[in-house]
N, C-alpha and C. Protein backbone atom coordinates (compact mmCIF):
# COMPACT_ATOMS: atom_id res chain seq x y z
N MET A 1 1.22 22.40 5.70
CA MET A 1 1.49 20.64 5.53
C MET A 1 2.04 20.12 4.36
N THR A 2 2.69 19.31 4.28
CA THR A 2 4.09 18.29 3.33
C THR A 2 3.02 17.38 2.76
N LEU A 3 3.28 16.84 1.40
CA LEU A 3 2.72 15.74 1.08
C LEU A 3 4.47 14.46 0.83
N ALA A 4 5.32 15.80 1.12
CA ALA A 4 6.77 14.90 1.02
C ALA A 4 7.04 13.52 0.90
N GLY A 5 6.53 13.12 2.44
CA GLY A 5 6.47 11.99 2.59
C GLY A 5 5.87 11.28 1.71
N PHE A 6 4.32 11.55 1.59
CA PHE A 6 4.12 10.65 0.66
C PHE A 6 4.72 10.02 -0.53
N ASP A 7 5.12 11.98 -1.24
CA ASP A 7 5.63 11.72 -2.25
C ASP A 7 6.99 10.61 -2.50
N ASN A 8 7.89 10.80 -1.09
CA ASN A 8 8.86 9.59 -1.11
C ASN A 8 8.58 7.94 -1.08
N LEU A 9 7.65 7.96 -0.64
CA LEU A 9 7.06 6.69 -0.81
C LEU A 9 6.75 6.73 -2.17
N LEU A 10 5.88 7.24 -2.64
CA LEU A 10 5.33 6.46 -3.95
C LEU A 10 6.44 6.74 -4.88
N ASP A 11 7.88 7.22 -4.57
CA ASP A 11 8.88 8.37 -5.72
C ASP A 11 10.30 6.82 -5.59
N GLN A 12 10.33 7.13 -3.95
CA GLN A 12 11.52 6.11 -4.15
C GLN A 12 11.70 5.31 -3.39
N CYS A 13 10.35 4.30 -2.30
CA CYS A 13 10.46 3.34 -2.37
C CYS A 13 9.60 2.33 -3.22
N LEU A 14 8.82 2.50 -3.41
CA LEU A 14 8.21 2.06 -4.98
C LEU A 14 8.53 1.90 -6.48
N GLY A 15 8.51 3.67 -6.52
CA GLY A 15 9.44 3.99 -7.96
C GLY A 15 7.87 3.92 -8.19
N VAL A 16 6.89 4.63 -8.40
CA VAL A 16 5.16 4.50 -9.34
C VAL A 16 5.23 5.47 -10.65
N ARG A 17 5.36 4.03 -11.57
CA ARG A 17 4.83 4.93 -12.81
C ARG A 17 3.47 4.93 -13.62
N ALA A 18 3.42 5.58 -14.35
CA ALA A 18 1.84 6.21 -15.15
C ALA A 18 1.57 4.29 -15.73
N GLY A 19 0.89 3.96 -15.40
CA GLY A 19 -0.11 3.05 -15.82
C GLY A 19 -0.01 1.78 -15.06
N GLU A 20 0.69 2.12 -13.91
CA GLU A 20 0.95 0.59 -13.09
C GLU A 20 -0.64 1.13 -12.35
N GLN A 21 -0.68 -0.42 -11.30
CA GLN A 21 -1.97 -0.65 -11.40
C GLN A 21 -1.33 -0.90 -9.95
N VAL A 22 -1.67 0.00 -8.67
CA VAL A 22 -1.30 0.10 -7.03
C VAL A 22 -2.51 -0.59 -6.60
N VAL A 23 -1.99 -1.49 -5.58
CA VAL A 23 -3.20 -1.89 -4.48
C VAL A 23 -3.09 -1.64 -2.95
N LEU A 24 -4.36 -0.74 -2.41
CA LEU A 24 -3.56 -0.23 -1.35
C LEU A 24 -4.41 -1.05 -0.23
N LEU A 25 -4.22 -1.86 0.61
CA LEU A 25 -4.48 -3.22 0.98
C LEU A 25 -5.15 -2.38 3.00
N THR A 26 -5.96 -2.14 2.92
CA THR A 26 -7.16 -1.54 4.38
C THR A 26 -7.29 -2.76 4.87
N ASP A 27 -7.85 -2.04 6.54
CA ASP A 27 -8.93 -2.44 7.07
C ASP A 27 -9.64 -1.84 8.02
N ASP A 28 -10.27 -1.74 8.76
CA ASP A 28 -10.79 -1.25 9.58
C ASP A 28 -9.89 0.06 10.56
N GLY A 29 -9.04 -0.42 10.59
CA GLY A 29 -8.32 0.40 11.67
C GLY A 29 -7.42 0.70 10.76
N THR A 30 -7.13 1.12 9.35
CA THR A 30 -6.27 2.54 8.99
C THR A 30 -7.17 3.25 8.13
N ASP A 31 -5.99 3.95 8.82
CA ASP A 31 -5.65 5.98 8.18
C ASP A 31 -6.43 6.37 7.48
N THR A 32 -7.84 6.85 7.25
CA THR A 32 -8.47 7.24 6.15
C THR A 32 -8.00 8.50 4.87
N GLU A 33 -6.94 9.31 6.16
CA GLU A 33 -6.39 10.01 5.41
C GLU A 33 -4.78 9.55 4.63
N VAL A 34 -4.49 8.84 5.53
CA VAL A 34 -3.44 8.09 4.80
C VAL A 34 -3.73 6.74 3.52
N ILE A 35 -4.86 6.79 2.82
CA ILE A 35 -5.60 6.02 2.26
C ILE A 35 -5.58 7.09 1.27
N GLU A 36 -6.28 8.45 1.46
CA GLU A 36 -6.64 9.44 0.63
C GLU A 36 -5.41 10.18 -0.27
N ARG A 37 -4.39 10.08 0.50
CA ARG A 37 -3.54 10.60 0.23
C ARG A 37 -2.61 9.79 -0.84
N LEU A 38 -2.60 8.91 -0.41
CA LEU A 38 -1.63 7.93 -1.41
C LEU A 38 -2.36 7.34 -2.44
N ALA A 39 -3.77 7.73 -2.56
CA ALA A 39 -4.34 7.50 -3.91
C ALA A 39 -4.74 9.00 -4.87
N ASP A 40 -4.37 10.10 -4.28
CA ASP A 40 -4.60 11.14 -4.83
C ASP A 40 -3.30 11.25 -5.55
N GLY A 41 -1.56 10.75 -4.84
CA GLY A 41 -0.83 10.80 -5.02
C GLY A 41 -0.57 9.65 -6.59
N ILE A 42 -1.16 8.71 -6.21
CA ILE A 42 -0.75 7.25 -7.54
C ILE A 42 -1.59 8.08 -8.32
N GLY A 43 -2.89 8.69 -8.91
CA GLY A 43 -2.99 8.95 -9.51
C GLY A 43 -2.92 10.16 -10.11
N ARG A 44 -2.24 11.51 -8.95
CA ARG A 44 -1.19 12.40 -9.84
C ARG A 44 0.18 11.57 -10.64
N ARG A 45 0.30 10.19 -10.67
CA ARG A 45 1.38 9.29 -11.13
C ARG A 45 0.56 8.93 -12.85
N ARG A 46 -0.01 9.62 -12.93
CA ARG A 46 -1.16 8.13 -13.57
C ARG A 46 -1.22 6.74 -13.78
N ALA A 47 -0.71 6.85 -12.72
CA ALA A 47 -1.10 4.97 -12.16
C ALA A 47 -2.39 4.76 -11.72
N VAL A 48 -2.90 3.76 -11.41
CA VAL A 48 -4.47 3.53 -11.42
C VAL A 48 -4.72 3.24 -9.65
N PRO A 49 -4.69 3.67 -8.82
CA PRO A 49 -4.80 3.21 -8.05
C PRO A 49 -5.80 2.40 -7.18
N ILE A 50 -5.70 1.42 -6.49
CA ILE A 50 -6.92 0.41 -6.16
C ILE A 50 -7.06 -0.38 -4.94
N VAL A 51 -8.17 0.62 -4.02
CA VAL A 51 -8.11 0.66 -2.81
C VAL A 51 -9.13 -0.50 -2.38
N THR A 52 -8.88 -1.75 -0.96
CA THR A 52 -9.52 -2.18 -1.38
C THR A 52 -9.47 -2.89 0.73
N ARG A 53 -10.77 -3.66 0.73
CA ARG A 53 -10.54 -3.21 2.33
C ARG A 53 -10.42 -4.53 2.87
N ILE A 54 -10.08 -5.42 3.72
CA ILE A 54 -9.94 -6.23 3.46
C ILE A 54 -10.70 -6.55 5.54
N PRO A 55 -10.92 -7.60 6.13
CA PRO A 55 -11.15 -8.30 7.52
C PRO A 55 -10.28 -7.61 8.11
N LEU A 56 -10.20 -7.39 9.34
CA LEU A 56 -9.16 -7.15 10.37
C LEU A 56 -8.41 -8.80 10.54
N PRO A 57 -7.27 -8.59 9.94
CA PRO A 57 -6.47 -10.07 9.81
C PRO A 57 -6.62 -10.08 11.29
N SER A 58 -7.50 -12.03 11.75
CA SER A 58 -6.79 -12.23 12.48
C SER A 58 -5.40 -12.94 13.26
N LEU A 59 -4.43 -12.76 12.84
CA LEU A 59 -3.05 -13.61 12.61
C LEU A 59 -2.17 -13.08 11.73
N PRO A 60 -0.66 -12.31 12.68
CA PRO A 60 0.20 -12.09 10.80
C PRO A 60 0.37 -13.15 10.11
N GLY A 61 0.16 -13.12 8.98
CA GLY A 61 0.18 -13.62 7.51
C GLY A 61 -0.60 -14.30 7.71
N SER A 62 -1.96 -13.77 7.96
CA SER A 62 -3.63 -14.23 7.25
C SER A 62 -3.45 -14.53 5.65
N GLU A 63 -3.93 -15.23 5.20
CA GLU A 63 -4.44 -14.86 3.70
C GLU A 63 -5.33 -14.36 3.55
N PRO A 64 -5.61 -12.89 2.51
CA PRO A 64 -6.93 -12.45 2.46
C PRO A 64 -8.18 -12.96 1.67
N PRO A 65 -9.06 -12.33 1.66
CA PRO A 65 -9.89 -13.28 0.75
C PRO A 65 -9.93 -13.30 -0.85
N THR A 66 -10.05 -14.24 -1.03
CA THR A 66 -9.41 -15.09 -2.34
C THR A 66 -9.59 -14.07 -3.53
N ALA A 67 -10.65 -12.98 -3.88
CA ALA A 67 -10.54 -12.03 -4.57
C ALA A 67 -9.34 -10.99 -4.68
N VAL A 68 -8.66 -10.51 -3.52
CA VAL A 68 -8.18 -9.85 -2.70
C VAL A 68 -6.83 -10.46 -3.14
N ALA A 69 -7.26 -11.59 -2.86
CA ALA A 69 -5.49 -11.99 -3.40
C ALA A 69 -5.09 -12.04 -4.70
N ALA A 70 -5.66 -12.12 -5.40
CA ALA A 70 -6.04 -12.27 -7.22
C ALA A 70 -5.53 -10.78 -7.47
N LEU A 71 -5.79 -10.10 -6.74
CA LEU A 71 -5.43 -8.67 -7.27
C LEU A 71 -4.07 -8.13 -6.77
N MET A 72 -3.83 -9.09 -5.82
CA MET A 72 -1.86 -8.68 -4.87
C MET A 72 -1.28 -9.46 -6.14
N VAL A 73 -1.68 -10.37 -6.71
CA VAL A 73 -0.44 -11.32 -7.64
C VAL A 73 -0.59 -10.56 -9.03
N GLN A 74 -2.20 -9.70 -9.45
CA GLN A 74 -1.74 -9.02 -10.73
C GLN A 74 -0.95 -7.65 -11.12
N ALA A 75 -1.18 -6.94 -9.31
CA ALA A 75 -1.28 -5.80 -9.84
C ALA A 75 0.05 -5.55 -9.86
N SER A 76 1.02 -4.12 -9.99
CA SER A 76 2.55 -3.96 -10.15
C SER A 76 2.86 -3.28 -8.70
N ALA A 77 2.25 -2.86 -7.81
CA ALA A 77 2.30 -2.62 -6.80
C ALA A 77 1.08 -2.96 -5.87
N ILE A 78 1.96 -3.66 -3.95
CA ILE A 78 0.85 -3.04 -3.20
C ILE A 78 1.82 -2.48 -1.80
N VAL A 79 0.51 -1.70 -1.32
CA VAL A 79 1.36 -1.02 -0.09
C VAL A 79 0.03 -1.38 0.77
N GLU A 80 0.98 -2.45 1.60
CA GLU A 80 -0.08 -3.09 3.25
C GLU A 80 -0.07 -1.99 4.02
N LEU A 81 -1.48 -1.27 4.24
CA LEU A 81 -1.67 -0.79 5.33
C LEU A 81 -2.69 -1.20 6.16
N THR A 82 -2.60 -2.39 6.32
CA THR A 82 -3.56 -2.82 7.49
C THR A 82 -3.03 -2.45 8.78
N SER A 83 -3.71 -3.03 9.50
CA SER A 83 -3.41 -3.05 11.26
C SER A 83 -2.58 -4.07 11.46
N LEU A 84 -2.55 -4.96 10.72
CA LEU A 84 -1.48 -6.47 11.77
C LEU A 84 -0.48 -6.93 10.05
N PHE A 85 0.51 -7.07 10.43
CA PHE A 85 1.02 -7.74 8.65
C PHE A 85 0.42 -8.87 8.12
N ILE A 86 0.26 -8.70 7.37
CA ILE A 86 -0.09 -10.63 6.16
C ILE A 86 0.80 -10.40 5.36
N ARG A 87 2.35 -9.96 5.57
CA ARG A 87 3.52 -9.99 4.35
C ARG A 87 3.75 -11.34 3.88
N SER A 88 3.29 -12.70 5.22
CA SER A 88 3.84 -13.66 4.68
C SER A 88 3.15 -15.01 4.03
N SER A 89 1.46 -13.76 3.86
CA SER A 89 0.47 -14.56 3.26
C SER A 89 0.98 -15.12 1.86
N PRO A 90 0.06 -16.18 1.51
CA PRO A 90 0.65 -17.01 0.45
C PRO A 90 0.52 -16.09 -0.40
N ALA A 91 -0.61 -15.31 -1.35
CA ALA A 91 -0.97 -14.04 -1.88
C ALA A 91 0.92 -13.16 -2.26
N ARG A 92 1.10 -12.81 -1.09
CA ARG A 92 2.06 -11.84 -1.02
C ARG A 92 3.73 -12.41 -1.68
N ARG A 93 3.57 -13.27 -1.25
CA ARG A 93 4.83 -14.66 -1.55
C ARG A 93 4.47 -14.45 -3.09
N THR A 94 4.00 -14.89 -3.53
CA THR A 94 3.11 -15.55 -4.52
C THR A 94 3.42 -14.08 -5.76
N GLY A 95 2.60 -12.91 -5.41
CA GLY A 95 3.18 -11.72 -6.10
C GLY A 95 4.51 -11.20 -5.97
N THR A 96 5.41 -10.76 -5.12
CA THR A 96 6.37 -10.76 -4.70
C THR A 96 7.83 -11.96 -5.89
N GLU A 97 7.08 -12.98 -6.33
CA GLU A 97 7.73 -13.64 -7.04
C GLU A 97 7.59 -13.72 -8.26
N MET A 98 6.21 -12.63 -8.51
CA MET A 98 6.56 -12.52 -10.34
C MET A 98 6.40 -10.97 -10.37
N GLY A 99 6.92 -10.64 -9.56
CA GLY A 99 7.91 -9.81 -9.95
C GLY A 99 7.12 -7.74 -9.39
N VAL A 100 5.61 -8.45 -8.66
CA VAL A 100 5.38 -7.16 -7.76
C VAL A 100 5.88 -6.66 -6.30
N SER A 101 6.11 -5.43 -6.44
CA SER A 101 6.85 -4.52 -5.43
C SER A 101 5.00 -5.09 -4.29
N HIS A 102 6.22 -4.71 -2.61
CA HIS A 102 5.44 -4.76 -1.74
C HIS A 102 5.99 -4.00 -0.81
N LEU A 103 4.98 -3.01 -0.25
CA LEU A 103 5.42 -2.18 1.23
C LEU A 103 5.03 -2.62 2.30
N ALA A 104 5.09 -2.57 3.36
CA ALA A 104 4.13 -3.36 4.63
C ALA A 104 4.65 -2.19 5.41
N ILE A 105 3.86 -1.53 5.28
CA ILE A 105 3.58 0.23 6.41
C ILE A 105 2.42 0.18 7.82
N PRO A 106 2.07 -1.77 8.26
CA PRO A 106 0.80 -1.34 8.84
C PRO A 106 0.59 -0.69 9.91
N GLY A 107 -0.49 -0.26 10.35
CA GLY A 107 -0.81 0.93 11.63
C GLY A 107 -0.41 2.41 11.07
N MET A 108 0.01 2.63 9.56
CA MET A 108 0.91 3.83 9.79
C MET A 108 -0.26 5.32 9.82
N ARG A 109 -0.09 5.64 10.23
CA ARG A 109 -1.09 7.17 10.45
C ARG A 109 -0.74 8.21 9.51
N PHE A 110 -1.61 9.64 9.74
CA PHE A 110 -1.19 10.56 8.38
C PHE A 110 0.21 11.04 9.57
N GLY A 111 0.09 11.71 10.71
CA GLY A 111 0.76 12.59 11.56
C GLY A 111 2.09 12.15 10.86
N THR A 112 2.26 10.46 11.16
CA THR A 112 3.91 10.33 10.56
C THR A 112 4.53 10.87 9.72
N PHE A 113 3.80 11.33 8.12
CA PHE A 113 4.29 11.52 6.97
C PHE A 113 3.47 13.55 6.81
N ARG A 114 2.90 14.10 8.25
CA ARG A 114 2.66 15.53 8.07
C ARG A 114 3.60 16.19 8.23
N ASP A 115 4.86 15.79 9.57
CA ASP A 115 6.11 17.12 9.20
C ASP A 115 7.20 15.81 8.62
N TRP A 116 7.74 15.35 8.05
CA TRP A 116 8.11 15.05 6.85
C TRP A 116 9.52 16.01 6.26
N ARG A 117 10.41 15.78 6.81
CA ARG A 117 11.34 16.75 5.60
C ARG A 117 12.91 16.82 4.96
N PRO A 118 12.68 16.70 4.05
CA PRO A 118 13.97 15.81 3.36
C PRO A 118 15.20 16.36 4.23
N LEU A 119 16.47 15.44 4.65
CA LEU A 119 17.58 15.31 5.21
C LEU A 119 18.46 16.84 4.65
N PRO A 120 18.92 17.79 5.10
CA PRO A 120 19.83 18.64 4.36
C PRO A 120 20.83 17.44 3.28
């Protein structure tokens, strides 16, 4: 089993660097294997994984709880792994206006990464 898909996400999509704080935004529907692999990969890059779980969003763009919204504004990057997009929330908009990287991959399953191989 390869971890290349996770490495690609962290290196190519987000450019995670040592010392950065990366929020993994989850809910009850998030695949725990995805959370664990991303947190491990963030740690291997000497960055800080911050795993936070919110209630299942009721509507796309729902604002997360206040404490989570504060994390989203202060982090270096956010990986949105929730079951439903909250990408249009005020916290996300404020964070990206302040330079926070944001990657939304709601509903992502471990199997999506399992067989990833680079193109020849």
